[in-house]
Amino acid sequence: MSRVCTVCGKGQTTGNNVSHSKRRTRRTFKANVQKVSYVNDGKVVTGYVCTRCLKSVERA
């Protein structure tokens, strides 16, 4: 499963883990996407949608 929102395109981003001693190592932040059915241009579409877009899309 690619963790990319089909509505807004939000996906994985990168940053740093920072320990107590301030050492930095690379890490990834993954989008919280859920598989849902929603209405797009009058058709029912199944896709992965981030939780922020879940509030705005019309569910089928």
C-alpha atoms as a PDB file:
ATOM      1  CA  MET A   1       0.000   0.000   0.000  1.00  0.00           C
ATOM      2  CA  SER A   2       1.447   3.319  -0.998  1.00  0.00           C
ATOM      3  CA  ARG A   3       0.659   5.792   1.745  1.00  0.00           C
ATOM      4  CA  VAL A   4      -0.482   8.660  -0.467  1.00  0.00           C
ATOM      5  CA  CYS A   5      -3.873  10.387  -0.237  1.00  0.00           C
ATOM      6  CA  THR A   6      -5.818  10.197  -3.514  1.00  0.00           C
ATOM      7  CA  VAL A   7      -7.636  13.474  -2.741  1.00  0.00           C
ATOM      8  CA  CYS A   8      -4.899  15.898  -1.675  1.00  0.00           C
ATOM      9  CA  GLY A   9      -1.701  13.983  -2.501  1.00  0.00           C
ATOM     10  CA  LYS A  10      -0.343  14.036   1.041  1.00  0.00           C
ATOM     11  CA  GLY A  11       2.358  11.401   1.453  1.00  0.00           C
ATOM     12  CA  GLN A  12       5.463  10.444   3.341  1.00  0.00           C
ATOM     13  CA  THR A  13       7.846  13.144   4.560  1.00  0.00           C
ATOM     14  CA  THR A  14      11.205  13.009   6.319  1.00  0.00           C
ATOM     15  CA  GLY A  15      12.690  14.541   9.443  1.00  0.00           C
ATOM     16  CA  ASN A  16      14.932  13.763  12.382  1.00  0.00           C
ATOM     17  CA  ASN A  17      14.750  11.629  15.486  1.00  0.00           C
ATOM     18  CA  VAL A  18      16.308  13.738  18.246  1.00  0.00           C
ATOM     19  CA  SER A  19      17.617  11.908  21.304  1.00  0.00           C
ATOM     20  CA  HIS A  20      18.013  13.333  24.791  1.00  0.00           C
ATOM     21  CA  SER A  21      21.662  14.107  23.980  1.00  0.00           C
ATOM     22  CA  LYS A  22      20.490  15.965  20.831  1.00  0.00           C
ATOM     23  CA  ARG A  23      21.952  13.400  18.393  1.00  0.00           C
ATOM     24  CA  ARG A  24      19.980  13.389  15.145  1.00  0.00           C
ATOM     25  CA  THR A  25      19.129  10.402  12.963  1.00  0.00           C
ATOM     26  CA  ARG A  26      16.858  10.417   9.914  1.00  0.00           C
ATOM     27  CA  ARG A  27      13.286   9.126  10.128  1.00  0.00           C
ATOM     28  CA  THR A  28      10.076   9.180   8.075  1.00  0.00           C
ATOM     29  CA  PHE A  29       6.634  10.519   8.937  1.00  0.00           C
ATOM     30  CA  LYS A  30       3.906   8.521   7.162  1.00  0.00           C
ATOM     31  CA  ALA A  31       0.498   9.913   6.262  1.00  0.00           C
ATOM     32  CA  ASN A  32      -2.468   8.466   8.164  1.00  0.00           C
ATOM     33  CA  VAL A  33      -4.471   7.115   5.216  1.00  0.00           C
ATOM     34  CA  GLN A  34      -7.542   4.868   5.330  1.00  0.00           C
ATOM     35  CA  LYS A  35      -9.125   2.871   2.499  1.00  0.00           C
ATOM     36  CA  VAL A  36     -12.633   4.275   1.914  1.00  0.00           C
ATOM     37  CA  SER A  37     -15.274   4.576  -0.791  1.00  0.00           C
ATOM     38  CA  TYR A  38     -16.189   8.166  -1.659  1.00  0.00           C
ATOM     39  CA  VAL A  39     -18.038  10.102  -4.358  1.00  0.00           C
ATOM     40  CA  ASN A  40     -15.906  11.861  -6.996  1.00  0.00           C
ATOM     41  CA  ASP A  41     -17.615  13.615  -9.959  1.00  0.00           C
ATOM     42  CA  GLY A  42     -20.797  11.605  -9.400  1.00  0.00           C
ATOM     43  CA  LYS A  43     -19.014   8.240  -9.359  1.00  0.00           C
ATOM     44  CA  VAL A  44     -18.198   6.025  -6.391  1.00  0.00           C
ATOM     45  CA  VAL A  45     -14.416   5.637  -6.096  1.00  0.00           C
ATOM     46  CA  THR A  46     -12.435   3.441  -3.704  1.00  0.00           C
ATOM     47  CA  GLY A  47      -9.089   4.832  -2.643  1.00  0.00           C
ATOM     48  CA  TYR A  48      -6.797   5.794   0.182  1.00  0.00           C
ATOM     49  CA  VAL A  49      -7.785   9.061   1.872  1.00  0.00           C
ATOM     50  CA  CYS A  50      -5.959  10.902   4.661  1.00  0.00           C
ATOM     51  CA  THR A  51      -7.908  11.526   7.827  1.00  0.00           C
ATOM     52  CA  ARG A  52      -8.054  15.270   7.236  1.00  0.00           C
ATOM     53  CA  CYS A  53      -9.747  14.711   3.858  1.00  0.00           C
ATOM     54  CA  LEU A  54     -12.149  12.174   5.387  1.00  0.00           C
ATOM     55  CA  LYS A  55     -13.981  15.084   7.005  1.00  0.00           C
ATOM     56  CA  SER A  56     -14.487  16.882   3.693  1.00  0.00           C
ATOM     57  CA  VAL A  57     -15.233  14.117   1.142  1.00  0.00           C
ATOM     58  CA  GLU A  58     -18.731  12.788   0.612  1.00  0.00           C
ATOM     59  CA  ARG A  59     -18.746   9.145   1.704  1.00  0.00           C
ATOM     60  CA  ALA A  60     -20.505   6.511  -0.391  1.00  0.00           C
END
